[in-house]
PDB file of N, CA and C in Angstrom:
ATOM      1  N   UNK A   1       0.827  -1.196   0.000  1.00  0.00           N
ATOM      2  CA  UNK A   1       0.000   0.000   0.000  1.00  0.00           C
ATOM      3  C   UNK A   1       0.866   1.253   0.000  1.00  0.00           C
ATOM      4  N   UNK A   2       1.954   1.225   0.720  1.00  0.00           N
ATOM      5  CA  UNK A   2       2.856   2.360   0.808  1.00  0.00           C
ATOM      6  C   UNK A   2       3.459   2.706  -0.560  1.00  0.00           C
ATOM      7  N   UNK A   3       3.817   1.681  -1.315  1.00  0.00           N
ATOM      8  CA  UNK A   3       4.417   1.866  -2.629  1.00  0.00           C
ATOM      9  C   UNK A   3       3.388   2.478  -3.602  1.00  0.00           C
ATOM     10  N   UNK A   4       2.165   2.024  -3.494  1.00  0.00           N
ATOM     11  CA  UNK A   4       1.101   2.539  -4.352  1.00  0.00           C
ATOM     12  C   UNK A   4       0.818   4.013  -4.041  1.00  0.00           C
ATOM     13  N   UNK A   5       0.801   4.375  -2.793  1.00  0.00           N
ATOM     14  CA  UNK A   5       0.576   5.752  -2.377  1.00  0.00           C
ATOM     15  C   UNK A   5       1.695   6.663  -2.893  1.00  0.00           C
ATOM     16  N   UNK A   6       2.925   6.164  -2.851  1.00  0.00           N
ATOM     17  CA  UNK A   6       4.066   6.929  -3.351  1.00  0.00           C
ATOM     18  C   UNK A   6       3.940   7.168  -4.858  1.00  0.00           C
ATOM     19  N   UNK A   7       3.498   6.151  -5.599  1.00  0.00           N
ATOM     20  CA  UNK A   7       3.331   6.286  -7.049  1.00  0.00           C
ATOM     21  C   UNK A   7       2.241   7.313  -7.373  1.00  0.00           C
ATOM     22  N   UNK A   8       1.162   7.306  -6.609  1.00  0.00           N
ATOM     23  CA  UNK A   8       0.083   8.270  -6.812  1.00  0.00           C
ATOM     24  C   UNK A   8       0.579   9.686  -6.525  1.00  0.00           C
ATOM     25  N   UNK A   9       1.319   9.847  -5.445  1.00  0.00           N
ATOM     26  CA  UNK A   9       1.883  11.161  -5.097  1.00  0.00           C
ATOM     27  C   UNK A   9       2.851  11.638  -6.179  1.00  0.00           C
ATOM     28  N   UNK A  10       3.703  10.740  -6.651  1.00  0.00           N
ATOM     29  CA  UNK A  10       4.639  11.100  -7.725  1.00  0.00           C
ATOM     30  C   UNK A  10       3.889  11.527  -8.982  1.00  0.00           C
ATOM     31  N   UNK A  11       2.841  10.799  -9.317  1.00  0.00           N
ATOM     32  CA  UNK A  11       2.034  11.129 -10.481  1.00  0.00           C
ATOM     33  C   UNK A  11       1.381  12.504 -10.325  1.00  0.00           C
ATOM     34  N   UNK A  12       0.795  12.777  -9.164  1.00  0.00           N
ATOM     35  CA  UNK A  12       0.130  14.058  -8.930  1.00  0.00           C
ATOM     36  C   UNK A  12       1.117  15.225  -8.953  1.00  0.00           C
ATOM     37  N   UNK A  13       2.280  15.033  -8.386  1.00  0.00           N
ATOM     38  CA  UNK A  13       3.313  16.085  -8.408  1.00  0.00           C
ATOM     39  C   UNK A  13       3.768  16.345  -9.841  1.00  0.00           C
ATOM     40  N   UNK A  14       3.988  15.282 -10.604  1.00  0.00           N
ATOM     41  CA  UNK A  14       4.397  15.431 -12.004  1.00  0.00           C
ATOM     42  C   UNK A  14       3.316  16.142 -12.805  1.00  0.00           C
ATOM     43  N   UNK A  15       2.078  15.768 -12.601  1.00  0.00           N
ATOM     44  CA  UNK A  15       0.959  16.403 -13.292  1.00  0.00           C
ATOM     45  C   UNK A  15       0.878  17.889 -12.947  1.00  0.00           C
ATOM     46  N   UNK A  16       1.018  18.209 -11.682  1.00  0.00           N
ATOM     47  CA  UNK A  16       0.989  19.601 -11.229  1.00  0.00           C
ATOM     48  C   UNK A  16       2.113  20.414 -11.885  1.00  0.00           C
ATOM     49  N   UNK A  17       3.322  19.865 -11.916  1.00  0.00           N
ATOM     50  CA  UNK A  17       4.464  20.549 -12.527  1.00  0.00           C
ATOM     51  C   UNK A  17       4.218  20.767 -14.019  1.00  0.00           C
ATOM     52  N   UNK A  18       3.683  19.768 -14.710  1.00  0.00           N
ATOM     53  CA  UNK A  18       3.401  19.912 -16.135  1.00  0.00           C
ATOM     54  C   UNK A  18       2.337  20.969 -16.411  1.00  0.00           C
ATOM     55  N   UNK A  19       1.340  21.045 -15.560  1.00  0.00           N
ATOM     56  CA  UNK A  19       0.306  22.070 -15.710  1.00  0.00           C
ATOM     57  C   UNK A  19       0.909  23.463 -15.527  1.00  0.00           C
ATOM     58  N   UNK A  20       1.738  23.633 -14.515  1.00  0.00           N
ATOM     59  CA  UNK A  20       2.391  24.925 -14.267  1.00  0.00           C
ATOM     60  C   UNK A  20       3.276  25.311 -15.452  1.00  0.00           C
ATOM     61  N   UNK A  21       4.039  24.360 -15.975  1.00  0.00           N
ATOM     62  CA  UNK A  21       4.897  24.631 -17.138  1.00  0.00           C
ATOM     63  C   UNK A  21       4.043  25.015 -18.345  1.00  0.00           C
ATOM     64  N   UNK A  22       2.928  24.319 -18.539  1.00  0.00           N
ATOM     65  CA  UNK A  22       2.029  24.636 -19.651  1.00  0.00           C
ATOM     66  C   UNK A  22       1.440  26.032 -19.538  1.00  0.00           C
ATOM     67  N   UNK A  23       1.011  26.412 -18.359  1.00  0.00           N
ATOM     68  CA  UNK A  23       0.447  27.753 -18.146  1.00  0.00           C
ATOM     69  C   UNK A  23       1.508  28.818 -18.381  1.00  0.00           C
ATOM     70  N   UNK A  24       2.710  28.600 -17.845  1.00  0.00           N
ATOM     71  CA  UNK A  24       3.805  29.562 -18.031  1.00  0.00           C
ATOM     72  C   UNK A  24       4.183  29.672 -19.506  1.00  0.00           C
ATOM     73  N   UNK A  25       4.240  28.543 -20.201  1.00  0.00           N
ATOM     74  CA  UNK A  25       4.568  28.549 -21.626  1.00  0.00           C
ATOM     75  C   UNK A  25       3.528  29.286 -22.439  1.00  0.00           C
ATOM     76  N   UNK A  26       2.259  29.083 -22.121  1.00  0.00           N
ATOM     77  CA  UNK A  26       1.189  29.790 -22.831  1.00  0.00           C
ATOM     78  C   UNK A  26       1.288  31.286 -22.597  1.00  0.00           C
ATOM     79  N   UNK A  27       1.575  31.690 -21.372  1.00  0.00           N
ATOM     80  CA  UNK A  27       1.694  33.117 -21.045  1.00  0.00           C
ATOM     81  C   UNK A  27       2.835  33.753 -21.834  1.00  0.00           C
ATOM     82  N   UNK A  28       3.976  33.075 -21.908  1.00  0.00           N
ATOM     83  CA  UNK A  28       5.119  33.600 -22.666  1.00  0.00           C
ATOM     84  C   UNK A  28       4.757  33.707 -24.139  1.00  0.00           C
ATOM     85  N   UNK A  29       4.132  32.690 -24.699  1.00  0.00           N
ATOM     86  CA  UNK A  29       3.748  32.693 -26.110  1.00  0.00           C
ATOM     87  C   UNK A  29       2.722  33.790 -26.387  1.00  0.00           C
ATOM     88  N   UNK A  30       1.758  33.971 -25.487  1.00  0.00           N
ATOM     89  CA  UNK A  30       0.737  35.000 -25.633  1.00  0.00           C
ATOM     90  C   UNK A  30       1.362  36.394 -25.595  1.00  0.00           C
ATOM     91  N   UNK A  31       2.279  36.618 -24.664  1.00  0.00           N
ATOM     92  CA  UNK A  31       2.966  37.910 -24.570  1.00  0.00           C
ATOM     93  C   UNK A  31       3.789  38.180 -25.827  1.00  0.00           C
ATOM     94  N   UNK A  32       4.405  37.149 -26.381  1.00  0.00           N
ATOM     95  CA  UNK A  32       5.202  37.294 -27.592  1.00  0.00           C
ATOM     96  C   UNK A  32       4.305  37.695 -28.766  1.00  0.00           C
ATOM     97  N   UNK A  33       3.158  37.048 -28.895  1.00  0.00           N
ATOM     98  CA  UNK A  33       2.217  37.380 -29.962  1.00  0.00           C
ATOM     99  C   UNK A  33       1.703  38.800 -29.842  1.00  0.00           C
ATOM    100  N   UNK A  34       1.394  39.218 -28.630  1.00  0.00           N
ATOM    101  CA  UNK A  34       0.934  40.589 -28.395  1.00  0.00           C
ATOM    102  C   UNK A  34       2.026  41.590 -28.754  1.00  0.00           C
ATOM    103  N   UNK A  35       3.260  41.258 -28.425  1.00  0.00           N
ATOM    104  CA  UNK A  35       4.390  42.115 -28.764  1.00  0.00           C
ATOM    105  C   UNK A  35       4.549  42.252 -30.279  1.00  0.00           C
ATOM    106  N   UNK A  36       4.370  41.155 -31.010  1.00  0.00           N
ATOM    107  CA  UNK A  36       4.452  41.215 -32.470  1.00  0.00           C
ATOM    108  C   UNK A  36       3.389  42.152 -33.049  1.00  0.00           C
ATOM    109  N   UNK A  37       2.176  42.102 -32.516  1.00  0.00           N
ATOM    110  CA  UNK A  37       1.101  42.964 -32.998  1.00  0.00           C
ATOM    111  C   UNK A  37       1.399  44.434 -32.721  1.00  0.00           C
ATOM    112  N   UNK A  38       1.828  44.717 -31.495  1.00  0.00           N
ATOM    113  CA  UNK A  38       2.152  46.098 -31.136  1.00  0.00           C
ATOM    114  C   UNK A  38       3.277  46.640 -32.010  1.00  0.00           C
ATOM    115  N   UNK A  39       4.304  45.832 -32.235  1.00  0.00           N
ATOM    116  CA  UNK A  39       5.424  46.269 -33.074  1.00  0.00           C
ATOM    117  C   UNK A  39       4.992  46.508 -34.510  1.00  0.00           C
ATOM    118  N   UNK A  40       4.089  45.674 -35.025  1.00  0.00           N
ATOM    119  CA  UNK A  40       3.600  45.843 -36.391  1.00  0.00           C
ATOM    120  C   UNK A  40       2.882  47.184 -36.535  1.00  0.00           C
ATOM    121  N   UNK A  41       2.076  47.547 -35.534  1.00  0.00           N
ATOM    122  CA  UNK A  41       1.362  48.821 -35.578  1.00  0.00           C
ATOM    123  C   UNK A  41       2.338  49.978 -35.410  1.00  0.00           C
ATOM    124  N   UNK A  42       3.145  49.901 -34.372  1.00  0.00           N
ATOM    125  CA  UNK A  42       4.045  51.018 -34.069  1.00  0.00           C
ATOM    126  C   UNK A  42       5.017  51.299 -35.214  1.00  0.00           C
ATOM    127  N   UNK A  43       5.572  50.264 -35.811  1.00  0.00           N
ATOM    128  CA  UNK A  43       6.556  50.464 -36.876  1.00  0.00           C
ATOM    129  C   UNK A  43       5.948  51.162 -38.094  1.00  0.00           C
ATOM    130  N   UNK A  44       4.643  51.009 -38.310  1.00  0.00           N
ATOM    131  CA  UNK A  44       3.993  51.619 -39.477  1.00  0.00           C
ATOM    132  C   UNK A  44       3.443  53.016 -39.204  1.00  0.00           C
ATOM    133  N   UNK A  45       3.081  53.317 -37.964  1.00  0.00           N
ATOM    134  CA  UNK A  45       2.461  54.622 -37.706  1.00  0.00           C
ATOM    135  C   UNK A  45       3.387  55.608 -37.007  1.00  0.00           C
ATOM    136  N   UNK A  46       4.584  55.186 -36.632  1.00  0.00           N
ATOM    137  CA  UNK A  46       5.482  56.124 -35.949  1.00  0.00           C
ATOM    138  C   UNK A  46       5.931  57.245 -36.879  1.00  0.00           C
ATOM    139  N   UNK A  47       6.008  56.954 -38.165  1.00  0.00           N
ATOM    140  CA  UNK A  47       6.349  57.978 -39.147  1.00  0.00           C
ATOM    141  C   UNK A  47       5.042  58.599 -39.630  1.00  0.00           C
ATOM    142  N   UNK A  48       4.810  59.812 -39.244  1.00  0.00           N
ATOM    143  CA  UNK A  48       3.530  60.473 -39.517  1.00  0.00           C
ATOM    144  C   UNK A  48       3.228  60.599 -41.012  1.00  0.00           C
ATOM    145  N   UNK A  49       4.263  60.628 -41.859  1.00  0.00           N
ATOM    146  CA  UNK A  49       4.019  60.788 -43.295  1.00  0.00           C
ATOM    147  C   UNK A  49       3.571  59.501 -43.983  1.00  0.00           C
ATOM    148  N   UNK A  50       3.593  58.353 -43.291  1.00  0.00           N
ATOM    149  CA  UNK A  50       3.136  57.095 -43.901  1.00  0.00           C
ATOM    150  C   UNK A  50       1.827  56.577 -43.305  1.00  0.00           C
ATOM    151  N   UNK A  51       1.254  57.342 -42.383  1.00  0.00           N
ATOM    152  CA  UNK A  51       0.012  56.918 -41.725  1.00  0.00           C
ATOM    153  C   UNK A  51      -1.111  56.714 -42.736  1.00  0.00           C
ATOM    154  N   UNK A  52      -1.181  57.556 -43.764  1.00  0.00           N
ATOM    155  CA  UNK A  52      -2.275  57.479 -44.743  1.00  0.00           C
ATOM    156  C   UNK A  52      -2.308  56.145 -45.499  1.00  0.00           C
ATOM    157  N   UNK A  53      -1.188  55.433 -45.554  1.00  0.00           N
ATOM    158  CA  UNK A  53      -1.148  54.141 -46.254  1.00  0.00           C
ATOM    159  C   UNK A  53      -1.985  53.075 -45.541  1.00  0.00           C
ATOM    160  N   UNK A  54      -2.142  53.228 -44.242  1.00  0.00           N
ATOM    161  CA  UNK A  54      -2.819  52.212 -43.447  1.00  0.00           C
ATOM    162  C   UNK A  54      -4.172  52.683 -42.901  1.00  0.00           C
ATOM    163  N   UNK A  55      -4.439  53.982 -42.968  1.00  0.00           N
ATOM    164  CA  UNK A  55      -5.710  54.515 -42.480  1.00  0.00           C
ATOM    165  C   UNK A  55      -6.824  54.197 -43.462  1.00  0.00           C
ATOM    166  N   UNK A  56      -7.977  53.845 -42.922  1.00  0.00           N
ATOM    167  CA  UNK A  56      -9.130  53.528 -43.750  1.00  0.00           C
ATOM    168  C   UNK A  56      -9.763  54.807 -44.299  1.00  0.00           C
ATOM    169  N   UNK A  57      -9.676  55.911 -43.539  1.00  0.00           N
ATOM    170  CA  UNK A  57     -10.284  57.169 -43.971  1.00  0.00           C
ATOM    171  C   UNK A  57      -9.484  58.364 -43.445  1.00  0.00           C
ATOM    172  N   UNK A  58      -9.878  59.553 -43.870  1.00  0.00           N
ATOM    173  CA  UNK A  58      -9.132  60.760 -43.471  1.00  0.00           C
ATOM    174  C   UNK A  58      -9.312  61.083 -41.997  1.00  0.00           C
ATOM    175  N   UNK A  59     -10.447  60.715 -41.426  1.00  0.00           N
ATOM    176  CA  UNK A  59     -10.670  60.935 -39.993  1.00  0.00           C
ATOM    177  C   UNK A  59      -9.629  60.155 -39.173  1.00  0.00           C
ATOM    178  N   UNK A  60      -9.365  58.927 -39.596  1.00  0.00           N
ATOM    179  CA  UNK A  60      -8.352  58.104 -38.932  1.00  0.00           C
ATOM    180  C   UNK A  60      -6.971  58.719 -39.123  1.00  0.00           C
ATOM    181  N   UNK A  61      -6.691  59.212 -40.327  1.00  0.00           N
ATOM    182  CA  UNK A  61      -5.413  59.898 -40.594  1.00  0.00           C
ATOM    183  C   UNK A  61      -5.170  61.016 -39.591  1.00  0.00           C
ATOM    184  N   UNK A  62      -6.140  61.896 -39.500  1.00  0.00           N
ATOM    185  CA  UNK A  62      -5.996  63.072 -38.624  1.00  0.00           C
ATOM    186  C   UNK A  62      -5.822  62.662 -37.173  1.00  0.00           C
ATOM    187  N   UNK A  63      -6.587  61.684 -36.746  1.00  0.00           N
ATOM    188  CA  UNK A  63      -6.519  61.222 -35.357  1.00  0.00           C
ATOM    189  C   UNK A  63      -5.149  60.617 -35.050  1.00  0.00           C
ATOM    190  N   UNK A  64      -4.661  59.735 -35.935  1.00  0.00           N
ATOM    191  CA  UNK A  64      -3.376  59.070 -35.702  1.00  0.00           C
ATOM    192  C   UNK A  64      -2.214  60.055 -35.700  1.00  0.00           C
ATOM    193  N   UNK A  65      -2.274  61.055 -36.536  1.00  0.00           N
ATOM    194  CA  UNK A  65      -1.188  62.037 -36.588  1.00  0.00           C
ATOM    195  C   UNK A  65      -1.073  62.786 -35.271  1.00  0.00           C
ATOM    196  N   UNK A  66      -2.205  62.983 -34.596  1.00  0.00           N
ATOM    197  CA  UNK A  66      -2.198  63.728 -33.328  1.00  0.00           C
ATOM    198  C   UNK A  66      -2.079  62.850 -32.090  1.00  0.00           C
ATOM    199  N   UNK A  67      -2.091  61.531 -32.239  1.00  0.00           N
ATOM    200  CA  UNK A  67      -2.011  60.617 -31.093  1.00  0.00           C
ATOM    201  C   UNK A  67      -0.564  60.409 -30.643  1.00  0.00           C
ATOM    202  N   UNK A  68      -0.434  60.039 -29.369  1.00  0.00           N
ATOM    203  CA  UNK A  68       0.854  59.586 -28.855  1.00  0.00           C
ATOM    204  C   UNK A  68       0.969  58.112 -29.241  1.00  0.00           C
ATOM    205  N   UNK A  69       1.671  57.843 -30.332  1.00  0.00           N
ATOM    206  CA  UNK A  69       1.710  56.491 -30.884  1.00  0.00           C
ATOM    207  C   UNK A  69       2.592  55.533 -30.087  1.00  0.00           C
ATOM    208  N   UNK A  70       3.265  56.029 -29.066  1.00  0.00           N
ATOM    209  CA  UNK A  70       4.089  55.130 -28.250  1.00  0.00           C
ATOM    210  C   UNK A  70       3.247  54.376 -27.228  1.00  0.00           C
ATOM    211  N   UNK A  71       2.031  54.851 -26.969  1.00  0.00           N
ATOM    212  CA  UNK A  71       1.139  54.178 -26.021  1.00  0.00           C
ATOM    213  C   UNK A  71       0.176  53.276 -26.788  1.00  0.00           C
ATOM    214  N   UNK A  72       0.529  52.009 -26.895  1.00  0.00           N
ATOM    215  CA  UNK A  72      -0.290  51.050 -27.642  1.00  0.00           C
ATOM    216  C   UNK A  72      -0.645  49.889 -26.722  1.00  0.00           C
ATOM    217  N   UNK A  73      -1.942  49.580 -26.637  1.00  0.00           N
ATOM    218  CA  UNK A  73      -2.358  48.408 -25.862  1.00  0.00           C
ATOM    219  C   UNK A  73      -3.471  47.684 -26.601  1.00  0.00           C
ATOM    220  N   UNK A  74      -3.445  46.376 -26.518  1.00  0.00           N
ATOM    221  CA  UNK A  74      -4.453  45.544 -27.179  1.00  0.00           C
ATOM    222  C   UNK A  74      -5.634  45.387 -26.231  1.00  0.00           C
ATOM    223  N   UNK A  75      -6.823  45.749 -26.716  1.00  0.00           N
ATOM    224  CA  UNK A  75      -8.010  45.793 -25.868  1.00  0.00           C
ATOM    225  C   UNK A  75      -8.941  44.603 -26.073  1.00  0.00           C
ATOM    226  N   UNK A  76      -8.689  43.766 -27.077  1.00  0.00           N
ATOM    227  CA  UNK A  76      -9.607  42.653 -27.347  1.00  0.00           C
ATOM    228  C   UNK A  76      -8.831  41.422 -27.806  1.00  0.00           C
ATOM    229  N   UNK A  77      -9.538  40.321 -27.864  1.00  0.00           N
ATOM    230  CA  UNK A  77      -9.003  39.116 -28.490  1.00  0.00           C
ATOM    231  C   UNK A  77      -9.181  39.248 -29.992  1.00  0.00           C
ATOM    232  N   UNK A  78      -8.564  38.339 -30.724  1.00  0.00           N
ATOM    233  CA  UNK A  78      -8.700  38.339 -32.167  1.00  0.00           C
ATOM    234  C   UNK A  78     -10.167  38.141 -32.553  1.00  0.00           C
ATOM    235  N   UNK A  79     -10.688  39.055 -33.365  1.00  0.00           N
ATOM    236  CA  UNK A  79     -12.069  38.976 -33.829  1.00  0.00           C
ATOM    237  C   UNK A  79     -12.156  38.526 -35.292  1.00  0.00           C
ATOM    238  N   UNK A  80     -11.010  38.243 -35.895  1.00  0.00           N
ATOM    239  CA  UNK A  80     -10.974  37.833 -37.291  1.00  0.00           C
ATOM    240  C   UNK A  80     -11.136  36.334 -37.439  1.00  0.00           C
ATOM    241  N   UNK A  81     -10.939  35.871 -38.675  1.00  0.00           N
ATOM    242  CA  UNK A  81     -11.000  34.433 -38.923  1.00  0.00           C
ATOM    243  C   UNK A  81     -10.001  34.078 -40.015  1.00  0.00           C
ATOM    244  N   UNK A  82      -9.603  32.818 -40.038  1.00  0.00           N
ATOM    245  CA  UNK A  82      -8.611  32.377 -41.010  1.00  0.00           C
ATOM    246  C   UNK A  82      -7.289  33.095 -40.799  1.00  0.00           C
ATOM    247  N   UNK A  83      -6.723  33.612 -41.877  1.00  0.00           N
ATOM    248  CA  UNK A  83      -5.442  34.307 -41.732  1.00  0.00           C
ATOM    249  C   UNK A  83      -5.622  35.818 -41.589  1.00  0.00           C
ATOM    250  N   UNK A  84      -6.869  36.282 -41.389  1.00  0.00           N
ATOM    251  CA  UNK A  84      -7.146  37.692 -41.125  1.00  0.00           C
ATOM    252  C   UNK A  84      -7.336  37.869 -39.615  1.00  0.00           C
ATOM    253  N   UNK A  85      -6.577  38.780 -39.053  1.00  0.00           N
ATOM    254  CA  UNK A  85      -6.649  39.085 -37.623  1.00  0.00           C
ATOM    255  C   UNK A  85      -7.271  40.464 -37.460  1.00  0.00           C
ATOM    256  N   UNK A  86      -8.181  40.627 -36.515  1.00  0.00           N
ATOM    257  CA  UNK A  86      -8.797  41.927 -36.253  1.00  0.00           C
ATOM    258  C   UNK A  86      -8.827  42.154 -34.756  1.00  0.00           C
ATOM    259  N   UNK A  87      -8.236  43.250 -34.326  1.00  0.00           N
ATOM    260  CA  UNK A  87      -8.154  43.583 -32.909  1.00  0.00           C
ATOM    261  C   UNK A  87      -8.625  45.007 -32.675  1.00  0.00           C
ATOM    262  N   UNK A  88      -9.159  45.263 -31.493  1.00  0.00           N
ATOM    263  CA  UNK A  88      -9.391  46.623 -31.025  1.00  0.00           C
ATOM    264  C   UNK A  88      -8.122  46.990 -30.256  1.00  0.00           C
ATOM    265  N   UNK A  89      -7.483  48.053 -30.706  1.00  0.00           N
ATOM    266  CA  UNK A  89      -6.217  48.469 -30.108  1.00  0.00           C
ATOM    267  C   UNK A  89      -6.334  49.926 -29.681  1.00  0.00           C
ATOM    268  N   UNK A  90      -5.890  50.207 -28.475  1.00  0.00           N
ATOM    269  CA  UNK A  90      -5.866  51.576 -27.979  1.00  0.00           C
ATOM    270  C   UNK A  90      -4.515  52.174 -28.348  1.00  0.00           C
ATOM    271  N   UNK A  91      -4.556  53.260 -29.103  1.00  0.00           N
ATOM    272  CA  UNK A  91      -3.354  53.998 -29.471  1.00  0.00           C
ATOM    273  C   UNK A  91      -3.509  55.375 -28.848  1.00  0.00           C
ATOM    274  N   UNK A  92      -2.597  55.725 -27.962  1.00  0.00           N
ATOM    275  CA  UNK A  92      -2.768  56.964 -27.205  1.00  0.00           C
ATOM    276  C   UNK A  92      -3.978  56.807 -26.312  1.00  0.00           C
ATOM    277  N   UNK A  93      -4.987  57.674 -26.510  1.00  0.00           N
ATOM    278  CA  UNK A  93      -6.206  57.612 -25.691  1.00  0.00           C
ATOM    279  C   UNK A  93      -7.432  57.150 -26.479  1.00  0.00           C
ATOM    280  N   UNK A  94      -7.238  56.756 -27.734  1.00  0.00           N
ATOM    281  CA  UNK A  94      -8.379  56.410 -28.593  1.00  0.00           C
ATOM    282  C   UNK A  94      -8.337  54.946 -29.030  1.00  0.00           C
ATOM    283  N   UNK A  95      -9.529  54.418 -29.324  1.00  0.00           N
ATOM    284  CA  UNK A  95      -9.646  53.033 -29.791  1.00  0.00           C
ATOM    285  C   UNK A  95      -9.698  52.982 -31.312  1.00  0.00           C
ATOM    286  N   UNK A  96      -9.019  51.975 -31.858  1.00  0.00           N
ATOM    287  CA  UNK A  96      -8.956  51.766 -33.299  1.00  0.00           C
ATOM    288  C   UNK A  96      -9.218  50.301 -33.600  1.00  0.00           C
ATOM    289  N   UNK A  97      -9.887  50.041 -34.705  1.00  0.00           N
ATOM    290  CA  UNK A  97     -10.008  48.692 -35.230  1.00  0.00           C
ATOM    291  C   UNK A  97      -8.819  48.470 -36.151  1.00  0.00           C
ATOM    292  N   UNK A  98      -8.060  47.429 -35.897  1.00  0.00           N
ATOM    293  CA  UNK A  98      -6.842  47.192 -36.673  1.00  0.00           C
ATOM    294  C   UNK A  98      -6.892  45.800 -37.290  1.00  0.00           C
ATOM    295  N   UNK A  99      -6.653  45.746 -38.602  1.00  0.00           N
ATOM    296  CA  UNK A  99      -6.687  44.484 -39.334  1.00  0.00           C
ATOM    297  C   UNK A  99      -5.275  44.109 -39.775  1.00  0.00           C
ATOM    298  N   UNK A 100      -4.960  42.827 -39.580  1.00  0.00           N
ATOM    299  CA  UNK A 100      -3.668  42.273 -39.967  1.00  0.00           C
ATOM    300  C   UNK A 100      -3.884  41.054 -40.849  1.00  0.00           C
ATOM    301  N   UNK A 101      -2.862  40.708 -41.608  1.00  0.00           N
ATOM    302  CA  UNK A 101      -2.829  39.424 -42.289  1.00  0.00           C
ATOM    303  C   UNK A 101      -1.775  38.591 -41.569  1.00  0.00           C
ATOM    304  N   UNK A 102      -2.172  37.424 -41.128  1.00  0.00           N
ATOM    305  CA  UNK A 102      -1.263  36.567 -40.373  1.00  0.00           C
ATOM    306  C   UNK A 102      -0.129  36.068 -41.260  1.00  0.00           C
ATOM    307  N   UNK A 103       1.069  36.004 -40.668  1.00  0.00           N
ATOM    308  CA  UNK A 103       2.241  35.512 -41.391  1.00  0.00           C
ATOM    309  C   UNK A 103       2.762  34.224 -40.753  1.00  0.00           C
ATOM    310  N   UNK A 104       1.985  33.611 -39.892  1.00  0.00           N
ATOM    311  CA  UNK A 104       2.422  32.397 -39.207  1.00  0.00           C
ATOM    312  C   UNK A 104       2.578  32.656 -37.718  1.00  0.00           C
ATOM    313  N   UNK A 105       2.843  31.607 -36.977  1.00  0.00           N
ATOM    314  CA  UNK A 105       2.881  31.715 -35.519  1.00  0.00           C
ATOM    315  C   UNK A 105       4.010  32.582 -34.984  1.00  0.00           C
ATOM    316  N   UNK A 106       5.182  32.494 -35.547  1.00  0.00           N
ATOM    317  CA  UNK A 106       6.307  33.214 -34.957  1.00  0.00           C
ATOM    318  C   UNK A 106       6.782  34.390 -35.800  1.00  0.00           C
ATOM    319  N   UNK A 107       5.992  34.776 -36.810  1.00  0.00           N
ATOM    320  CA  UNK A 107       6.377  35.882 -37.672  1.00  0.00           C
ATOM    321  C   UNK A 107       5.474  37.076 -37.429  1.00  0.00           C
ATOM    322  N   UNK A 108       6.006  38.267 -37.688  1.00  0.00           N
ATOM    323  CA  UNK A 108       5.227  39.477 -37.479  1.00  0.00           C
ATOM    324  C   UNK A 108       4.112  39.570 -38.516  1.00  0.00           C
ATOM    325  N   UNK A 109       2.872  39.797 -38.055  1.00  0.00           N
ATOM    326  CA  UNK A 109       1.760  39.922 -38.996  1.00  0.00           C
ATOM    327  C   UNK A 109       1.893  41.202 -39.818  1.00  0.00           C
ATOM    328  N   UNK A 110       1.269  41.222 -40.985  1.00  0.00           N
ATOM    329  CA  UNK A 110       1.321  42.378 -41.870  1.00  0.00           C
ATOM    330  C   UNK A 110       0.114  43.273 -41.598  1.00  0.00           C
ATOM    331  N   UNK A 111       0.373  44.523 -41.291  1.00  0.00           N
ATOM    332  CA  UNK A 111      -0.692  45.487 -41.034  1.00  0.00           C
ATOM    333  C   UNK A 111      -1.431  45.787 -42.335  1.00  0.00           C
ATOM    334  N   UNK A 112      -2.764  45.651 -42.324  1.00  0.00           N
ATOM    335  CA  UNK A 112      -3.569  45.894 -43.518  1.00  0.00           C
ATOM    336  C   UNK A 112      -4.360  47.191 -43.436  1.00  0.00           C
ATOM    337  N   UNK A 113      -4.862  47.549 -42.246  1.00  0.00           N
ATOM    338  CA  UNK A 113      -5.652  48.769 -42.145  1.00  0.00           C
ATOM    339  C   UNK A 113      -5.971  49.140 -40.711  1.00  0.00           C
ATOM    340  N   UNK A 114      -6.196  50.451 -40.494  1.00  0.00           N
ATOM    341  CA  UNK A 114      -6.551  50.974 -39.182  1.00  0.00           C
ATOM    342  C   UNK A 114      -7.757  51.892 -39.344  1.00  0.00           C
ATOM    343  N   UNK A 115      -8.728  51.736 -38.448  1.00  0.00           N
ATOM    344  CA  UNK A 115      -9.909  52.610 -38.481  1.00  0.00           C
ATOM    345  C   UNK A 115     -10.191  53.155 -37.088  1.00  0.00           C
ATOM    346  N   UNK A 116     -10.337  54.462 -37.019  1.00  0.00           N
ATOM    347  CA  UNK A 116     -10.703  55.122 -35.757  1.00  0.00           C
ATOM    348  C   UNK A 116     -12.116  54.737 -35.388  1.00  0.00           C
ATOM    349  N   UNK A 117     -12.340  54.324 -34.143  1.00  0.00           N
ATOM    350  CA  UNK A 117     -13.659  53.847 -33.717  1.00  0.00           C
ATOM    351  C   UNK A 117     -14.450  54.866 -32.917  1.00  0.00           C
ATOM    352  N   UNK A 118     -13.892  56.047 -32.729  1.00  0.00           N
ATOM    353  CA  UNK A 118     -14.600  57.092 -31.973  1.00  0.00           C
ATOM    354  C   UNK A 118     -15.542  57.888 -32.846  1.00  0.00           C
ATOM    355  N   UNK A 119     -16.093  58.936 -32.270  1.00  0.00           N
ATOM    356  CA  UNK A 119     -17.043  59.801 -33.003  1.00  0.00           C
ATOM    357  C   UNK A 119     -16.325  60.930 -33.679  1.00  0.00           C
TER     358      UNK A 119
END
């Protein structure tokens, strides 16, 4: 009976460790993906003269030019499907709908368009 109890304890400890490793790994992978998205946006809008290439309309152009583009946070989960990614992203103090084309799990997605979601 003692040997059986030890095997059960060993199994439970191993299972617990694997769960913790899995959660930590997912968190690291999730943070990496979020970083790729933020970098894709920031690299395209930091230069004010290229904002119009990614803006859906002139209202978005004007808003992005006046925003503090260094403050970027992802406000939603992916709302797209297939290889199209769509996120609500806060840039400065305003919310924008941002569309990307996925380039794979570990590659930076390609920014396709940004739309200001305010009034």
